């Protein structure tokens, strides 16, 4: 079996975060798509906390401002140039992690 070394990009934020009137995850997905990244997935969490406090508010069974995570895997050469524009876009509203992965 052959493994290929790639980079996993993970962005954590809150669901209701907005940048210039557009939801942040949509802007991030657009940026990744325009950079021809292999793909991305948006995950919603059920609870969490961070520097800006708790990530959920429960109102009669509804959750507001859930934790959200966007994950993408591609080659280092394609991911690294996106880190500065992504950090500018996210600012203090979330954080970015990267780690090396083996892709089968």
C-alpha atoms as a PDB file:
ATOM      1  CA  UNK A   1       0.000   0.000   0.000  1.00  0.00           C
ATOM      2  CA  UNK A   2       1.305   3.443  -0.910  1.00  0.00           C
ATOM      3  CA  UNK A   3       0.965   6.461   1.362  1.00  0.00           C
ATOM      4  CA  UNK A   4       1.278  10.061   0.281  1.00  0.00           C
ATOM      5  CA  UNK A   5       2.280  12.784   2.766  1.00  0.00           C
ATOM      6  CA  UNK A   6      -0.194  15.662   2.727  1.00  0.00           C
ATOM      7  CA  UNK A   7      -1.323  18.459   5.052  1.00  0.00           C
ATOM      8  CA  UNK A   8      -4.612  18.552   6.932  1.00  0.00           C
ATOM      9  CA  UNK A   9      -5.877  22.117   7.397  1.00  0.00           C
ATOM     10  CA  UNK A  10      -8.400  22.573  10.202  1.00  0.00           C
ATOM     11  CA  UNK A  11     -10.186  25.835  10.953  1.00  0.00           C
ATOM     12  CA  UNK A  12     -12.263  26.234  14.124  1.00  0.00           C
ATOM     13  CA  UNK A  13     -14.836  28.995  14.584  1.00  0.00           C
ATOM     14  CA  UNK A  14     -18.453  29.635  15.556  1.00  0.00           C
ATOM     15  CA  UNK A  15     -21.357  29.036  13.177  1.00  0.00           C
ATOM     16  CA  UNK A  16     -22.697  32.600  13.316  1.00  0.00           C
ATOM     17  CA  UNK A  17     -19.396  34.325  12.495  1.00  0.00           C
ATOM     18  CA  UNK A  18     -19.794  36.814   9.636  1.00  0.00           C
ATOM     19  CA  UNK A  19     -17.227  38.729   7.551  1.00  0.00           C
ATOM     20  CA  UNK A  20     -18.400  41.710   5.488  1.00  0.00           C
ATOM     21  CA  UNK A  21     -22.003  40.517   5.612  1.00  0.00           C
ATOM     22  CA  UNK A  22     -21.269  36.934   4.483  1.00  0.00           C
ATOM     23  CA  UNK A  23     -21.011  33.855   6.687  1.00  0.00           C
ATOM     24  CA  UNK A  24     -17.385  33.089   7.390  1.00  0.00           C
ATOM     25  CA  UNK A  25     -17.568  29.415   6.414  1.00  0.00           C
ATOM     26  CA  UNK A  26     -18.897  30.393   2.964  1.00  0.00           C
ATOM     27  CA  UNK A  27     -15.976  32.801   2.465  1.00  0.00           C
ATOM     28  CA  UNK A  28     -13.513  30.115   3.565  1.00  0.00           C
ATOM     29  CA  UNK A  29     -15.049  27.481   1.295  1.00  0.00           C
ATOM     30  CA  UNK A  30     -14.936  29.970  -1.610  1.00  0.00           C
ATOM     31  CA  UNK A  31     -11.249  30.705  -0.917  1.00  0.00           C
ATOM     32  CA  UNK A  32     -10.370  26.992  -0.770  1.00  0.00           C
ATOM     33  CA  UNK A  33     -12.340  26.269  -3.940  1.00  0.00           C
ATOM     34  CA  UNK A  34     -10.712  29.146  -5.851  1.00  0.00           C
ATOM     35  CA  UNK A  35      -7.302  27.770  -4.814  1.00  0.00           C
ATOM     36  CA  UNK A  36      -8.238  24.386  -6.321  1.00  0.00           C
ATOM     37  CA  UNK A  37      -7.916  22.569  -3.015  1.00  0.00           C
ATOM     38  CA  UNK A  38      -8.953  18.922  -3.368  1.00  0.00           C
ATOM     39  CA  UNK A  39     -12.014  19.375  -1.146  1.00  0.00           C
ATOM     40  CA  UNK A  40     -13.272  20.552   2.210  1.00  0.00           C
ATOM     41  CA  UNK A  41     -15.904  19.577   4.722  1.00  0.00           C
ATOM     42  CA  UNK A  42     -17.737  21.735   7.249  1.00  0.00           C
ATOM     43  CA  UNK A  43     -18.496  20.085  10.597  1.00  0.00           C
ATOM     44  CA  UNK A  44     -20.954  21.395  13.186  1.00  0.00           C
ATOM     45  CA  UNK A  45     -20.318  20.688  16.848  1.00  0.00           C
ATOM     46  CA  UNK A  46     -22.868  20.346  19.599  1.00  0.00           C
ATOM     47  CA  UNK A  47     -21.049  22.174  22.365  1.00  0.00           C
ATOM     48  CA  UNK A  48     -17.763  23.878  23.074  1.00  0.00           C
ATOM     49  CA  UNK A  49     -15.886  26.778  24.600  1.00  0.00           C
ATOM     50  CA  UNK A  50     -12.883  28.891  23.796  1.00  0.00           C
ATOM     51  CA  UNK A  51     -11.330  32.279  24.205  1.00  0.00           C
ATOM     52  CA  UNK A  52     -14.610  34.008  23.315  1.00  0.00           C
ATOM     53  CA  UNK A  53     -16.654  31.922  25.749  1.00  0.00           C
ATOM     54  CA  UNK A  54     -19.168  29.126  25.244  1.00  0.00           C
ATOM     55  CA  UNK A  55     -20.059  28.178  21.703  1.00  0.00           C
ATOM     56  CA  UNK A  56     -23.689  27.230  22.225  1.00  0.00           C
ATOM     57  CA  UNK A  57     -26.842  28.617  23.703  1.00  0.00           C
ATOM     58  CA  UNK A  58     -29.686  26.139  24.203  1.00  0.00           C
ATOM     59  CA  UNK A  59     -33.188  27.512  23.730  1.00  0.00           C
ATOM     60  CA  UNK A  60     -35.981  24.932  23.957  1.00  0.00           C
ATOM     61  CA  UNK A  61     -33.975  22.303  22.105  1.00  0.00           C
ATOM     62  CA  UNK A  62     -32.419  24.707  19.573  1.00  0.00           C
ATOM     63  CA  UNK A  63     -28.710  25.411  19.523  1.00  0.00           C
ATOM     64  CA  UNK A  64     -27.462  28.831  18.489  1.00  0.00           C
ATOM     65  CA  UNK A  65     -23.899  29.700  17.476  1.00  0.00           C
ATOM     66  CA  UNK A  66     -22.605  26.153  17.450  1.00  0.00           C
ATOM     67  CA  UNK A  67     -18.909  25.385  17.199  1.00  0.00           C
ATOM     68  CA  UNK A  68     -17.914  24.815  13.575  1.00  0.00           C
ATOM     69  CA  UNK A  69     -14.875  23.234  11.969  1.00  0.00           C
ATOM     70  CA  UNK A  70     -13.724  23.221   8.350  1.00  0.00           C
ATOM     71  CA  UNK A  71     -11.283  20.511   7.378  1.00  0.00           C
ATOM     72  CA  UNK A  72      -9.358  20.082   4.152  1.00  0.00           C
ATOM     73  CA  UNK A  73      -6.482  17.887   2.982  1.00  0.00           C
ATOM     74  CA  UNK A  74      -4.100  18.706   0.144  1.00  0.00           C
ATOM     75  CA  UNK A  75      -0.419  19.074  -0.679  1.00  0.00           C
ATOM     76  CA  UNK A  76       1.711  21.372   1.484  1.00  0.00           C
ATOM     77  CA  UNK A  77       2.529  23.532  -1.544  1.00  0.00           C
ATOM     78  CA  UNK A  78      -1.169  24.323  -2.026  1.00  0.00           C
ATOM     79  CA  UNK A  79      -2.117  24.763   1.659  1.00  0.00           C
ATOM     80  CA  UNK A  80       0.748  26.942   2.934  1.00  0.00           C
ATOM     81  CA  UNK A  81       0.111  29.958   0.633  1.00  0.00           C
ATOM     82  CA  UNK A  82      -3.463  30.098   1.974  1.00  0.00           C
ATOM     83  CA  UNK A  83      -2.496  30.424   5.649  1.00  0.00           C
ATOM     84  CA  UNK A  84      -1.964  34.208   5.640  1.00  0.00           C
ATOM     85  CA  UNK A  85      -5.166  35.043   3.697  1.00  0.00           C
ATOM     86  CA  UNK A  86      -7.121  32.623   5.911  1.00  0.00           C
ATOM     87  CA  UNK A  87      -5.716  34.145   9.108  1.00  0.00           C
ATOM     88  CA  UNK A  88      -6.605  37.646   7.836  1.00  0.00           C
ATOM     89  CA  UNK A  89     -10.133  36.450   7.094  1.00  0.00           C
ATOM     90  CA  UNK A  90     -10.618  34.688  10.432  1.00  0.00           C
ATOM     91  CA  UNK A  91      -8.803  37.200  12.640  1.00  0.00           C
ATOM     92  CA  UNK A  92      -9.544  36.529  16.311  1.00  0.00           C
ATOM     93  CA  UNK A  93     -12.809  34.709  15.479  1.00  0.00           C
ATOM     94  CA  UNK A  94     -11.190  31.292  15.320  1.00  0.00           C
ATOM     95  CA  UNK A  95      -7.932  29.488  14.847  1.00  0.00           C
ATOM     96  CA  UNK A  96      -6.146  27.380  12.278  1.00  0.00           C
ATOM     97  CA  UNK A  97      -4.194  24.185  12.775  1.00  0.00           C
ATOM     98  CA  UNK A  98      -2.241  22.134  10.281  1.00  0.00           C
ATOM     99  CA  UNK A  99      -0.700  18.732  10.634  1.00  0.00           C
ATOM    100  CA  UNK A 100       0.864  16.176   8.348  1.00  0.00           C
ATOM    101  CA  UNK A 101      -1.267  13.180   7.373  1.00  0.00           C
ATOM    102  CA  UNK A 102      -0.736  10.012   5.370  1.00  0.00           C
ATOM    103  CA  UNK A 103      -3.274   9.664   2.558  1.00  0.00           C
ATOM    104  CA  UNK A 104      -3.945   6.211   1.139  1.00  0.00           C
END
